[in-house]
PDB file of all heavy atoms in Angstrom:
ATOM      1  N   SER A   1       1.394 -18.689   4.573  1.00  0.00           N
ATOM      2  CA  SER A   1       2.728 -18.963   3.967  1.00  0.00           C
ATOM      3  C   SER A   1       3.543 -17.690   4.008  1.00  0.00           C
ATOM      4  O   SER A   1       3.055 -16.575   3.729  1.00  0.00           O
ATOM      5  CB  SER A   1       2.598 -19.541   2.582  1.00  0.00           C
ATOM      6  OG  SER A   1       3.819 -19.525   1.949  1.00  0.00           O
ATOM      7  N   ILE A   2       4.876 -17.829   4.305  1.00  0.00           N
ATOM      8  CA  ILE A   2       5.768 -16.675   4.274  1.00  0.00           C
ATOM      9  C   ILE A   2       5.837 -16.069   2.853  1.00  0.00           C
ATOM     10  O   ILE A   2       5.976 -14.853   2.695  1.00  0.00           O
ATOM     11  CB  ILE A   2       7.148 -17.084   4.741  1.00  0.00           C
ATOM     12  CG1 ILE A   2       7.961 -15.789   5.062  1.00  0.00           C
ATOM     13  CG2 ILE A   2       7.938 -17.850   3.764  1.00  0.00           C
ATOM     14  CD1 ILE A   2       8.045 -15.511   6.506  1.00  0.00           C
ATOM     15  N   ILE A   3       5.679 -16.873   1.812  1.00  0.00           N
ATOM     16  CA  ILE A   3       5.678 -16.399   0.420  1.00  0.00           C
ATOM     17  C   ILE A   3       4.437 -15.470   0.180  1.00  0.00           C
ATOM     18  O   ILE A   3       4.515 -14.453  -0.432  1.00  0.00           O
ATOM     19  CB  ILE A   3       5.638 -17.563  -0.603  1.00  0.00           C
ATOM     20  CG1 ILE A   3       6.814 -18.506  -0.377  1.00  0.00           C
ATOM     21  CG2 ILE A   3       5.548 -17.052  -2.008  1.00  0.00           C
ATOM     22  CD1 ILE A   3       8.131 -18.077  -0.950  1.00  0.00           C
ATOM     23  N   ASP A   4       3.320 -15.881   0.727  1.00  0.00           N
ATOM     24  CA  ASP A   4       2.088 -15.051   0.619  1.00  0.00           C
ATOM     25  C   ASP A   4       2.285 -13.658   1.305  1.00  0.00           C
ATOM     26  O   ASP A   4       1.852 -12.660   0.768  1.00  0.00           O
ATOM     27  CB  ASP A   4       0.875 -15.771   1.222  1.00  0.00           C
ATOM     28  CG  ASP A   4       0.493 -17.045   0.488  1.00  0.00           C
ATOM     29  OD1 ASP A   4       0.853 -17.104  -0.726  1.00  0.00           O
ATOM     30  OD2 ASP A   4      -0.168 -17.921   1.040  1.00  0.00           O
ATOM     31  N   VAL A   5       2.988 -13.666   2.432  1.00  0.00           N
ATOM     32  CA  VAL A   5       3.257 -12.381   3.179  1.00  0.00           C
ATOM     33  C   VAL A   5       4.140 -11.477   2.300  1.00  0.00           C
ATOM     34  O   VAL A   5       3.831 -10.299   2.209  1.00  0.00           O
ATOM     35  CB  VAL A   5       3.937 -12.668   4.535  1.00  0.00           C
ATOM     36  CG1 VAL A   5       4.407 -11.383   5.179  1.00  0.00           C
ATOM     37  CG2 VAL A   5       2.985 -13.425   5.436  1.00  0.00           C
ATOM     38  N   ILE A   6       5.105 -12.052   1.639  1.00  0.00           N
ATOM     39  CA  ILE A   6       6.029 -11.231   0.808  1.00  0.00           C
ATOM     40  C   ILE A   6       5.231 -10.725  -0.369  1.00  0.00           C
ATOM     41  O   ILE A   6       5.388  -9.541  -0.737  1.00  0.00           O
ATOM     42  CB  ILE A   6       7.232 -12.096   0.384  1.00  0.00           C
ATOM     43  CG1 ILE A   6       8.130 -12.404   1.567  1.00  0.00           C
ATOM     44  CG2 ILE A   6       8.030 -11.386  -0.693  1.00  0.00           C
ATOM     45  CD1 ILE A   6       9.228 -13.400   1.303  1.00  0.00           C
ATOM     46  N   VAL A   7       4.401 -11.495  -0.995  1.00  0.00           N
ATOM     47  CA  VAL A   7       3.587 -11.059  -2.158  1.00  0.00           C
ATOM     48  C   VAL A   7       2.649  -9.908  -1.723  1.00  0.00           C
ATOM     49  O   VAL A   7       2.544  -8.938  -2.371  1.00  0.00           O
ATOM     50  CB  VAL A   7       2.840 -12.234  -2.779  1.00  0.00           C
ATOM     51  CG1 VAL A   7       1.827 -11.713  -3.772  1.00  0.00           C
ATOM     52  CG2 VAL A   7       3.813 -13.207  -3.467  1.00  0.00           C
ATOM     53  N   ILE A   8       2.029 -10.063  -0.564  1.00  0.00           N
ATOM     54  CA  ILE A   8       1.107  -9.030  -0.089  1.00  0.00           C
ATOM     55  C   ILE A   8       1.912  -7.745   0.181  1.00  0.00           C
ATOM     56  O   ILE A   8       1.427  -6.632  -0.191  1.00  0.00           O
ATOM     57  CB  ILE A   8       0.394  -9.523   1.183  1.00  0.00           C
ATOM     58  CG1 ILE A   8      -0.622 -10.630   0.818  1.00  0.00           C
ATOM     59  CG2 ILE A   8      -0.347  -8.422   1.906  1.00  0.00           C
ATOM     60  CD1 ILE A   8      -1.213 -11.333   1.983  1.00  0.00           C
ATOM     61  N   LEU A   9       3.082  -7.791   0.755  1.00  0.00           N
ATOM     62  CA  LEU A   9       3.916  -6.647   1.023  1.00  0.00           C
ATOM     63  C   LEU A   9       4.297  -5.904  -0.277  1.00  0.00           C
ATOM     64  O   LEU A   9       4.257  -4.692  -0.397  1.00  0.00           O
ATOM     65  CB  LEU A   9       5.104  -6.967   1.816  1.00  0.00           C
ATOM     66  CG  LEU A   9       4.870  -7.244   3.344  1.00  0.00           C
ATOM     67  CD1 LEU A   9       6.180  -7.729   4.026  1.00  0.00           C
ATOM     68  CD2 LEU A   9       4.312  -6.021   4.040  1.00  0.00           C
ATOM     69  N   VAL A  10       4.697  -6.716  -1.302  1.00  0.00           N
ATOM     70  CA  VAL A  10       5.059  -6.122  -2.576  1.00  0.00           C
ATOM     71  C   VAL A  10       3.918  -5.403  -3.213  1.00  0.00           C
ATOM     72  O   VAL A  10       4.031  -4.315  -3.722  1.00  0.00           O
ATOM     73  CB  VAL A  10       5.676  -7.210  -3.515  1.00  0.00           C
ATOM     74  CG1 VAL A  10       5.860  -6.712  -4.909  1.00  0.00           C
ATOM     75  CG2 VAL A  10       7.048  -7.701  -2.986  1.00  0.00           C
ATOM     76  N   VAL A  11       2.778  -6.020  -3.198  1.00  0.00           N
ATOM     77  CA  VAL A  11       1.575  -5.424  -3.813  1.00  0.00           C
ATOM     78  C   VAL A  11       1.239  -4.143  -3.027  1.00  0.00           C
ATOM     79  O   VAL A  11       0.876  -3.128  -3.670  1.00  0.00           O
ATOM     80  CB  VAL A  11       0.388  -6.416  -3.843  1.00  0.00           C
ATOM     81  CG1 VAL A  11      -0.885  -5.736  -4.167  1.00  0.00           C
ATOM     82  CG2 VAL A  11       0.685  -7.581  -4.786  1.00  0.00           C
ATOM     83  N   ALA A  12       1.349  -4.118  -1.727  1.00  0.00           N
ATOM     84  CA  ALA A  12       1.006  -2.961  -0.940  1.00  0.00           C
ATOM     85  C   ALA A  12       1.992  -1.797  -1.282  1.00  0.00           C
ATOM     86  O   ALA A  12       1.532  -0.641  -1.378  1.00  0.00           O
ATOM     87  CB  ALA A  12       1.014  -3.294   0.542  1.00  0.00           C
ATOM     88  N   VAL A  13       3.298  -2.107  -1.416  1.00  0.00           N
ATOM     89  CA  VAL A  13       4.257  -1.092  -1.734  1.00  0.00           C
ATOM     90  C   VAL A  13       4.022  -0.566  -3.101  1.00  0.00           C
ATOM     91  O   VAL A  13       4.082   0.717  -3.310  1.00  0.00           O
ATOM     92  CB  VAL A  13       5.730  -1.680  -1.606  1.00  0.00           C
ATOM     93  CG1 VAL A  13       6.775  -0.743  -2.236  1.00  0.00           C
ATOM     94  CG2 VAL A  13       6.090  -1.965  -0.126  1.00  0.00           C
ATOM     95  N   LEU A  14       3.712  -1.397  -4.083  1.00  0.00           N
ATOM     96  CA  LEU A  14       3.355  -0.909  -5.448  1.00  0.00           C
ATOM     97  C   LEU A  14       2.161   0.029  -5.427  1.00  0.00           C
ATOM     98  O   LEU A  14       2.136   1.050  -6.086  1.00  0.00           O
ATOM     99  CB  LEU A  14       3.221  -2.068  -6.364  1.00  0.00           C
ATOM    100  CG  LEU A  14       4.489  -2.751  -6.827  1.00  0.00           C
ATOM    101  CD1 LEU A  14       4.149  -4.055  -7.612  1.00  0.00           C
ATOM    102  CD2 LEU A  14       5.433  -1.884  -7.546  1.00  0.00           C
ATOM    103  N   ALA A  15       1.167  -0.390  -4.710  1.00  0.00           N
ATOM    104  CA  ALA A  15      -0.079   0.412  -4.619  1.00  0.00           C
ATOM    105  C   ALA A  15       0.183   1.745  -4.017  1.00  0.00           C
ATOM    106  O   ALA A  15      -0.275   2.807  -4.489  1.00  0.00           O
ATOM    107  CB  ALA A  15      -1.174  -0.348  -3.880  1.00  0.00           C
ATOM    108  N   LEU A  16       1.030   1.811  -2.936  1.00  0.00           N
ATOM    109  CA  LEU A  16       1.379   3.061  -2.286  1.00  0.00           C
ATOM    110  C   LEU A  16       2.220   3.909  -3.263  1.00  0.00           C
ATOM    111  O   LEU A  16       1.969   5.135  -3.327  1.00  0.00           O
ATOM    112  CB  LEU A  16       2.184   2.786  -1.027  1.00  0.00           C
ATOM    113  CG  LEU A  16       2.614   4.012  -0.298  1.00  0.00           C
ATOM    114  CD1 LEU A  16       1.406   4.799   0.278  1.00  0.00           C
ATOM    115  CD2 LEU A  16       3.546   3.630   0.854  1.00  0.00           C
ATOM    116  N   ALA A  17       3.096   3.320  -4.033  1.00  0.00           N
ATOM    117  CA  ALA A  17       3.942   4.049  -4.967  1.00  0.00           C
ATOM    118  C   ALA A  17       3.061   4.700  -6.072  1.00  0.00           C
ATOM    119  O   ALA A  17       3.237   5.857  -6.407  1.00  0.00           O
ATOM    120  CB  ALA A  17       4.994   3.217  -5.604  1.00  0.00           C
ATOM    121  N   ILE A  18       2.046   3.960  -6.525  1.00  0.00           N
ATOM    122  CA  ILE A  18       1.177   4.515  -7.626  1.00  0.00           C
ATOM    123  C   ILE A  18       0.365   5.637  -6.978  1.00  0.00           C
ATOM    124  O   ILE A  18       0.135   6.681  -7.633  1.00  0.00           O
ATOM    125  CB  ILE A  18       0.308   3.372  -8.165  1.00  0.00           C
ATOM    126  CG1 ILE A  18       1.156   2.404  -9.018  1.00  0.00           C
ATOM    127  CG2 ILE A  18      -0.826   3.944  -9.000  1.00  0.00           C
ATOM    128  CD1 ILE A  18       0.466   1.175  -9.436  1.00  0.00           C
ATOM    129  N   TYR A  19      -0.164   5.465  -5.790  1.00  0.00           N
ATOM    130  CA  TYR A  19      -0.909   6.528  -5.149  1.00  0.00           C
ATOM    131  C   TYR A  19      -0.042   7.813  -4.984  1.00  0.00           C
ATOM    132  O   TYR A  19      -0.553   8.906  -5.277  1.00  0.00           O
ATOM    133  CB  TYR A  19      -1.441   6.076  -3.769  1.00  0.00           C
ATOM    134  CG  TYR A  19      -2.125   7.170  -2.996  1.00  0.00           C
ATOM    135  CD1 TYR A  19      -3.406   7.546  -3.351  1.00  0.00           C
ATOM    136  CD2 TYR A  19      -1.466   7.784  -1.961  1.00  0.00           C
ATOM    137  CE1 TYR A  19      -4.017   8.584  -2.629  1.00  0.00           C
ATOM    138  CE2 TYR A  19      -2.067   8.807  -1.257  1.00  0.00           C
ATOM    139  CZ  TYR A  19      -3.360   9.195  -1.615  1.00  0.00           C
ATOM    140  OH  TYR A  19      -3.955  10.204  -0.901  1.00  0.00           O
ATOM    141  N   VAL A  20       1.150   7.678  -4.491  1.00  0.00           N
ATOM    142  CA  VAL A  20       1.983   8.829  -4.214  1.00  0.00           C
ATOM    143  C   VAL A  20       2.335   9.489  -5.518  1.00  0.00           C
ATOM    144  O   VAL A  20       2.344  10.722  -5.620  1.00  0.00           O
ATOM    145  CB  VAL A  20       3.268   8.447  -3.468  1.00  0.00           C
ATOM    146  CG1 VAL A  20       4.291   9.584  -3.438  1.00  0.00           C
ATOM    147  CG2 VAL A  20       2.936   8.023  -2.034  1.00  0.00           C
ATOM    148  N   LYS A  21       2.674   8.750  -6.558  1.00  0.00           N
ATOM    149  CA  LYS A  21       2.991   9.387  -7.880  1.00  0.00           C
ATOM    150  C   LYS A  21       1.780  10.120  -8.457  1.00  0.00           C
ATOM    151  O   LYS A  21       1.952  11.196  -9.016  1.00  0.00           O
ATOM    152  CB  LYS A  21       3.416   8.273  -8.877  1.00  0.00           C
ATOM    153  CG  LYS A  21       3.774   8.852 -10.198  1.00  0.00           C
ATOM    154  CD  LYS A  21       4.319   7.760 -11.080  1.00  0.00           C
ATOM    155  CE  LYS A  21       4.498   8.221 -12.495  1.00  0.00           C
ATOM    156  NZ  LYS A  21       5.640   8.957 -12.806  1.00  0.00           N
ATOM    157  N   GLY A  22       0.606   9.637  -8.183  1.00  0.00           N
ATOM    158  CA  GLY A  22      -0.601  10.332  -8.662  1.00  0.00           C
ATOM    159  C   GLY A  22      -0.884  11.638  -7.904  1.00  0.00           C
ATOM    160  O   GLY A  22      -1.497  12.551  -8.441  1.00  0.00           O
ATOM    161  N   GLN A  23      -0.390  11.732  -6.673  1.00  0.00           N
ATOM    162  CA  GLN A  23      -0.620  12.929  -5.879  1.00  0.00           C
ATOM    163  C   GLN A  23       0.410  14.020  -6.109  1.00  0.00           C
ATOM    164  O   GLN A  23       0.208  15.164  -5.715  1.00  0.00           O
ATOM    165  CB  GLN A  23      -0.608  12.556  -4.380  1.00  0.00           C
ATOM    166  CG  GLN A  23      -1.716  11.605  -4.003  1.00  0.00           C
ATOM    167  CD  GLN A  23      -3.119  12.153  -4.317  1.00  0.00           C
ATOM    168  OE1 GLN A  23      -3.370  13.330  -4.047  1.00  0.00           O
ATOM    169  NE2 GLN A  23      -3.974  11.340  -4.853  1.00  0.00           N
ATOM    170  N   MET A  24       1.558  13.631  -6.694  1.00  0.00           N
ATOM    171  CA  MET A  24       2.625  14.599  -6.962  1.00  0.00           C
ATOM    172  C   MET A  24       2.282  15.574  -8.032  1.00  0.00           C
ATOM    173  O   MET A  24       1.653  15.247  -9.047  1.00  0.00           O
ATOM    174  CB  MET A  24       3.948  13.886  -7.266  1.00  0.00           C
ATOM    175  CG  MET A  24       4.511  13.087  -6.104  1.00  0.00           C
ATOM    176  SD  MET A  24       5.905  12.166  -6.566  1.00  0.00           S
ATOM    177  CE  MET A  24       7.109  13.460  -6.883  1.00  0.00           C
ATOM    178  N   PRO A  25       2.653  16.889  -7.904  1.00  0.00           N
ATOM    179  CA  PRO A  25       2.403  17.835  -8.997  1.00  0.00           C
ATOM    180  C   PRO A  25       3.192  17.453 -10.264  1.00  0.00           C
ATOM    181  O   PRO A  25       4.303  17.036 -10.169  1.00  0.00           O
ATOM    182  CB  PRO A  25       2.866  19.177  -8.424  1.00  0.00           C
ATOM    183  CG  PRO A  25       3.853  18.827  -7.341  1.00  0.00           C
ATOM    184  CD  PRO A  25       3.383  17.501  -6.834  1.00  0.00           C
TER     185      PRO A  25
END
């Protein structure tokens, strides 16, 4: 479903943001 694709993309972006924030000094 296209809705599932959007949910997966949002979760991936949030996970990437949390990872990058954790790596910043």
